[in-house]
């Protein structure tokens, strides 16, 4: 009987942790949490929604990666990109209402833009090149 005790357990479904876009999404979530956890009690619903939309980004990348097909993965990337859009809209509203500072706003957008440009656009171009998804 083979001895499996010395073998490192490998799970291919954890490969998303090596993706730059997933790591950028985690950074985006951490920064969003840091900014919005300071919100006063009256604004906790807004803070909770901002944190939830940022949290959704990395979760959708991971879920899509663990799916069985490239097509499903790309669909989850689109969902994650939608969550980024939701986050940015909320950041803009909070900035205009002077609930976050200009500096916080710029820091949050920098994380969003880096995550978006680095991963989603690249993956979507790659998928379109190989006809996994149609050009829009």
C-alpha atoms as a PDB file:
ATOM      1  CA  UNK A   1       0.000   0.000   0.000  1.00  0.00           C
ATOM      2  CA  UNK A   2       1.474   3.403  -0.997  1.00  0.00           C
ATOM      3  CA  UNK A   3       2.425   5.910   1.696  1.00  0.00           C
ATOM      4  CA  UNK A   4       0.646   9.225   1.049  1.00  0.00           C
ATOM      5  CA  UNK A   5       1.654  10.962   4.299  1.00  0.00           C
ATOM      6  CA  UNK A   6       4.712  12.709   2.817  1.00  0.00           C
ATOM      7  CA  UNK A   7       3.016  13.949  -0.322  1.00  0.00           C
ATOM      8  CA  UNK A   8       1.954  17.563  -0.536  1.00  0.00           C
ATOM      9  CA  UNK A   9      -1.736  17.864  -1.169  1.00  0.00           C
ATOM     10  CA  UNK A  10      -2.311  19.703  -4.418  1.00  0.00           C
ATOM     11  CA  UNK A  11      -5.641  21.048  -5.487  1.00  0.00           C
ATOM     12  CA  UNK A  12      -5.810  22.471  -8.968  1.00  0.00           C
ATOM     13  CA  UNK A  13      -8.910  24.425  -7.994  1.00  0.00           C
ATOM     14  CA  UNK A  14      -6.733  26.726  -5.873  1.00  0.00           C
ATOM     15  CA  UNK A  15      -4.813  27.942  -8.905  1.00  0.00           C
ATOM     16  CA  UNK A  16      -6.773  31.199  -8.911  1.00  0.00           C
ATOM     17  CA  UNK A  17      -4.624  32.243  -5.942  1.00  0.00           C
ATOM     18  CA  UNK A  18      -1.719  32.568  -8.372  1.00  0.00           C
ATOM     19  CA  UNK A  19      -3.616  34.964 -10.632  1.00  0.00           C
ATOM     20  CA  UNK A  20      -2.578  38.597 -10.440  1.00  0.00           C
ATOM     21  CA  UNK A  21      -6.169  39.730 -10.934  1.00  0.00           C
ATOM     22  CA  UNK A  22      -7.331  37.677  -7.923  1.00  0.00           C
ATOM     23  CA  UNK A  23      -4.554  39.121  -5.752  1.00  0.00           C
ATOM     24  CA  UNK A  24      -5.417  42.644  -6.928  1.00  0.00           C
ATOM     25  CA  UNK A  25      -9.056  41.953  -6.070  1.00  0.00           C
ATOM     26  CA  UNK A  26      -8.021  40.880  -2.557  1.00  0.00           C
ATOM     27  CA  UNK A  27      -6.051  44.130  -2.187  1.00  0.00           C
ATOM     28  CA  UNK A  28      -9.095  46.041  -3.442  1.00  0.00           C
ATOM     29  CA  UNK A  29     -11.260  44.334  -0.814  1.00  0.00           C
ATOM     30  CA  UNK A  30      -8.775  45.068   1.983  1.00  0.00           C
ATOM     31  CA  UNK A  31      -8.547  48.750   1.046  1.00  0.00           C
ATOM     32  CA  UNK A  32     -12.321  49.055   0.746  1.00  0.00           C
ATOM     33  CA  UNK A  33     -12.770  47.425   4.156  1.00  0.00           C
ATOM     34  CA  UNK A  34     -10.234  49.766   5.733  1.00  0.00           C
ATOM     35  CA  UNK A  35     -11.972  52.870   4.378  1.00  0.00           C
ATOM     36  CA  UNK A  36     -15.565  51.842   5.063  1.00  0.00           C
ATOM     37  CA  UNK A  37     -15.265  50.152   8.451  1.00  0.00           C
ATOM     38  CA  UNK A  38     -14.719  53.631   9.945  1.00  0.00           C
ATOM     39  CA  UNK A  39     -18.192  54.766   8.904  1.00  0.00           C
ATOM     40  CA  UNK A  40     -20.540  55.872  11.696  1.00  0.00           C
ATOM     41  CA  UNK A  41     -23.486  53.728  12.716  1.00  0.00           C
ATOM     42  CA  UNK A  42     -25.969  55.766  10.639  1.00  0.00           C
ATOM     43  CA  UNK A  43     -24.075  54.867   7.473  1.00  0.00           C
ATOM     44  CA  UNK A  44     -23.396  51.189   8.211  1.00  0.00           C
ATOM     45  CA  UNK A  45     -25.765  50.034   5.466  1.00  0.00           C
ATOM     46  CA  UNK A  46     -23.806  52.017   2.867  1.00  0.00           C
ATOM     47  CA  UNK A  47     -20.500  50.760   4.281  1.00  0.00           C
ATOM     48  CA  UNK A  48     -21.767  47.185   4.328  1.00  0.00           C
ATOM     49  CA  UNK A  49     -22.841  47.399   0.673  1.00  0.00           C
ATOM     50  CA  UNK A  50     -19.480  48.862  -0.382  1.00  0.00           C
ATOM     51  CA  UNK A  51     -17.605  46.099   1.406  1.00  0.00           C
ATOM     52  CA  UNK A  52     -19.933  43.411   0.019  1.00  0.00           C
ATOM     53  CA  UNK A  53     -19.517  44.554  -3.599  1.00  0.00           C
ATOM     54  CA  UNK A  54     -15.715  44.615  -3.195  1.00  0.00           C
ATOM     55  CA  UNK A  55     -15.834  41.161  -1.589  1.00  0.00           C
ATOM     56  CA  UNK A  56     -17.860  39.840  -4.506  1.00  0.00           C
ATOM     57  CA  UNK A  57     -15.058  40.574  -6.971  1.00  0.00           C
ATOM     58  CA  UNK A  58     -12.481  38.073  -5.711  1.00  0.00           C
ATOM     59  CA  UNK A  59     -15.157  35.515  -4.888  1.00  0.00           C
ATOM     60  CA  UNK A  60     -16.469  35.514  -8.463  1.00  0.00           C
ATOM     61  CA  UNK A  61     -12.959  35.174  -9.878  1.00  0.00           C
ATOM     62  CA  UNK A  62     -12.368  32.144  -7.654  1.00  0.00           C
ATOM     63  CA  UNK A  63     -15.754  30.571  -8.384  1.00  0.00           C
ATOM     64  CA  UNK A  64     -15.337  31.024 -12.127  1.00  0.00           C
ATOM     65  CA  UNK A  65     -11.855  29.540 -12.022  1.00  0.00           C
ATOM     66  CA  UNK A  66     -13.189  26.443 -10.289  1.00  0.00           C
ATOM     67  CA  UNK A  67     -15.892  25.889 -12.910  1.00  0.00           C
ATOM     68  CA  UNK A  68     -15.525  23.276 -15.605  1.00  0.00           C
ATOM     69  CA  UNK A  69     -15.383  25.413 -18.720  1.00  0.00           C
ATOM     70  CA  UNK A  70     -13.703  28.548 -19.979  1.00  0.00           C
ATOM     71  CA  UNK A  71     -17.101  29.909 -20.974  1.00  0.00           C
ATOM     72  CA  UNK A  72     -18.354  29.686 -17.377  1.00  0.00           C
ATOM     73  CA  UNK A  73     -15.125  31.219 -16.115  1.00  0.00           C
ATOM     74  CA  UNK A  74     -15.519  34.178 -18.451  1.00  0.00           C
ATOM     75  CA  UNK A  75     -19.133  34.620 -17.337  1.00  0.00           C
ATOM     76  CA  UNK A  76     -17.931  34.897 -13.731  1.00  0.00           C
ATOM     77  CA  UNK A  77     -15.278  37.415 -14.800  1.00  0.00           C
ATOM     78  CA  UNK A  78     -18.077  39.518 -16.260  1.00  0.00           C
ATOM     79  CA  UNK A  79     -19.986  39.238 -12.980  1.00  0.00           C
ATOM     80  CA  UNK A  80     -16.853  40.304 -11.075  1.00  0.00           C
ATOM     81  CA  UNK A  81     -16.430  43.221 -13.463  1.00  0.00           C
ATOM     82  CA  UNK A  82     -20.040  44.204 -12.719  1.00  0.00           C
ATOM     83  CA  UNK A  83     -19.236  44.171  -9.007  1.00  0.00           C
ATOM     84  CA  UNK A  84     -16.322  46.501  -9.702  1.00  0.00           C
ATOM     85  CA  UNK A  85     -18.712  48.852 -11.480  1.00  0.00           C
ATOM     86  CA  UNK A  86     -21.076  48.728  -8.520  1.00  0.00           C
ATOM     87  CA  UNK A  87     -18.192  49.538  -6.193  1.00  0.00           C
ATOM     88  CA  UNK A  88     -17.046  52.522  -8.258  1.00  0.00           C
ATOM     89  CA  UNK A  89     -20.563  53.912  -8.429  1.00  0.00           C
ATOM     90  CA  UNK A  90     -20.815  53.693  -4.651  1.00  0.00           C
ATOM     91  CA  UNK A  91     -17.406  55.324  -4.216  1.00  0.00           C
ATOM     92  CA  UNK A  92     -18.432  58.202  -6.466  1.00  0.00           C
ATOM     93  CA  UNK A  93     -21.661  58.705  -4.529  1.00  0.00           C
ATOM     94  CA  UNK A  94     -19.797  58.663  -1.214  1.00  0.00           C
ATOM     95  CA  UNK A  95     -17.231  61.105  -2.536  1.00  0.00           C
ATOM     96  CA  UNK A  96     -19.891  63.525  -3.805  1.00  0.00           C
ATOM     97  CA  UNK A  97     -21.680  63.283  -0.453  1.00  0.00           C
ATOM     98  CA  UNK A  98     -18.307  63.988   1.225  1.00  0.00           C
ATOM     99  CA  UNK A  99     -18.462  60.715   3.152  1.00  0.00           C
ATOM    100  CA  UNK A 100     -14.969  59.734   1.986  1.00  0.00           C
ATOM    101  CA  UNK A 101     -12.013  62.014   1.361  1.00  0.00           C
ATOM    102  CA  UNK A 102     -10.572  62.749  -2.037  1.00  0.00           C
ATOM    103  CA  UNK A 103      -7.437  60.794  -1.065  1.00  0.00           C
ATOM    104  CA  UNK A 104      -9.500  57.717  -0.057  1.00  0.00           C
ATOM    105  CA  UNK A 105     -11.490  57.994  -3.280  1.00  0.00           C
ATOM    106  CA  UNK A 106      -8.315  58.074  -5.402  1.00  0.00           C
ATOM    107  CA  UNK A 107      -6.802  55.141  -3.493  1.00  0.00           C
ATOM    108  CA  UNK A 108      -9.934  53.053  -3.985  1.00  0.00           C
ATOM    109  CA  UNK A 109     -10.119  53.832  -7.700  1.00  0.00           C
ATOM    110  CA  UNK A 110      -6.440  53.030  -8.172  1.00  0.00           C
ATOM    111  CA  UNK A 111      -7.001  49.528  -6.767  1.00  0.00           C
ATOM    112  CA  UNK A 112     -10.102  49.059  -8.926  1.00  0.00           C
ATOM    113  CA  UNK A 113      -8.395  50.214 -12.100  1.00  0.00           C
ATOM    114  CA  UNK A 114      -5.339  48.037 -11.524  1.00  0.00           C
ATOM    115  CA  UNK A 115      -7.485  44.968 -10.898  1.00  0.00           C
ATOM    116  CA  UNK A 116      -9.656  45.659 -13.910  1.00  0.00           C
ATOM    117  CA  UNK A 117      -6.957  46.447 -16.453  1.00  0.00           C
ATOM    118  CA  UNK A 118      -4.509  43.792 -15.288  1.00  0.00           C
ATOM    119  CA  UNK A 119      -6.819  40.819 -15.397  1.00  0.00           C
ATOM    120  CA  UNK A 120     -10.271  41.167 -16.821  1.00  0.00           C
ATOM    121  CA  UNK A 121      -9.411  42.973 -20.011  1.00  0.00           C
ATOM    122  CA  UNK A 122      -6.527  40.598 -20.689  1.00  0.00           C
ATOM    123  CA  UNK A 123      -8.593  37.488 -20.064  1.00  0.00           C
ATOM    124  CA  UNK A 124     -11.465  38.789 -22.148  1.00  0.00           C
ATOM    125  CA  UNK A 125      -9.161  39.658 -25.094  1.00  0.00           C
ATOM    126  CA  UNK A 126      -7.617  36.196 -24.853  1.00  0.00           C
ATOM    127  CA  UNK A 127     -11.003  34.520 -24.803  1.00  0.00           C
ATOM    128  CA  UNK A 128     -12.261  36.541 -27.775  1.00  0.00           C
ATOM    129  CA  UNK A 129      -9.097  35.718 -29.725  1.00  0.00           C
ATOM    130  CA  UNK A 130      -9.837  32.005 -29.387  1.00  0.00           C
ATOM    131  CA  UNK A 131     -13.556  32.496 -30.061  1.00  0.00           C
ATOM    132  CA  UNK A 132     -14.624  31.351 -26.590  1.00  0.00           C
ATOM    133  CA  UNK A 133     -16.834  34.393 -26.468  1.00  0.00           C
ATOM    134  CA  UNK A 134     -18.207  36.624 -29.214  1.00  0.00           C
ATOM    135  CA  UNK A 135     -17.115  40.213 -29.752  1.00  0.00           C
ATOM    136  CA  UNK A 136     -19.724  42.669 -28.621  1.00  0.00           C
END
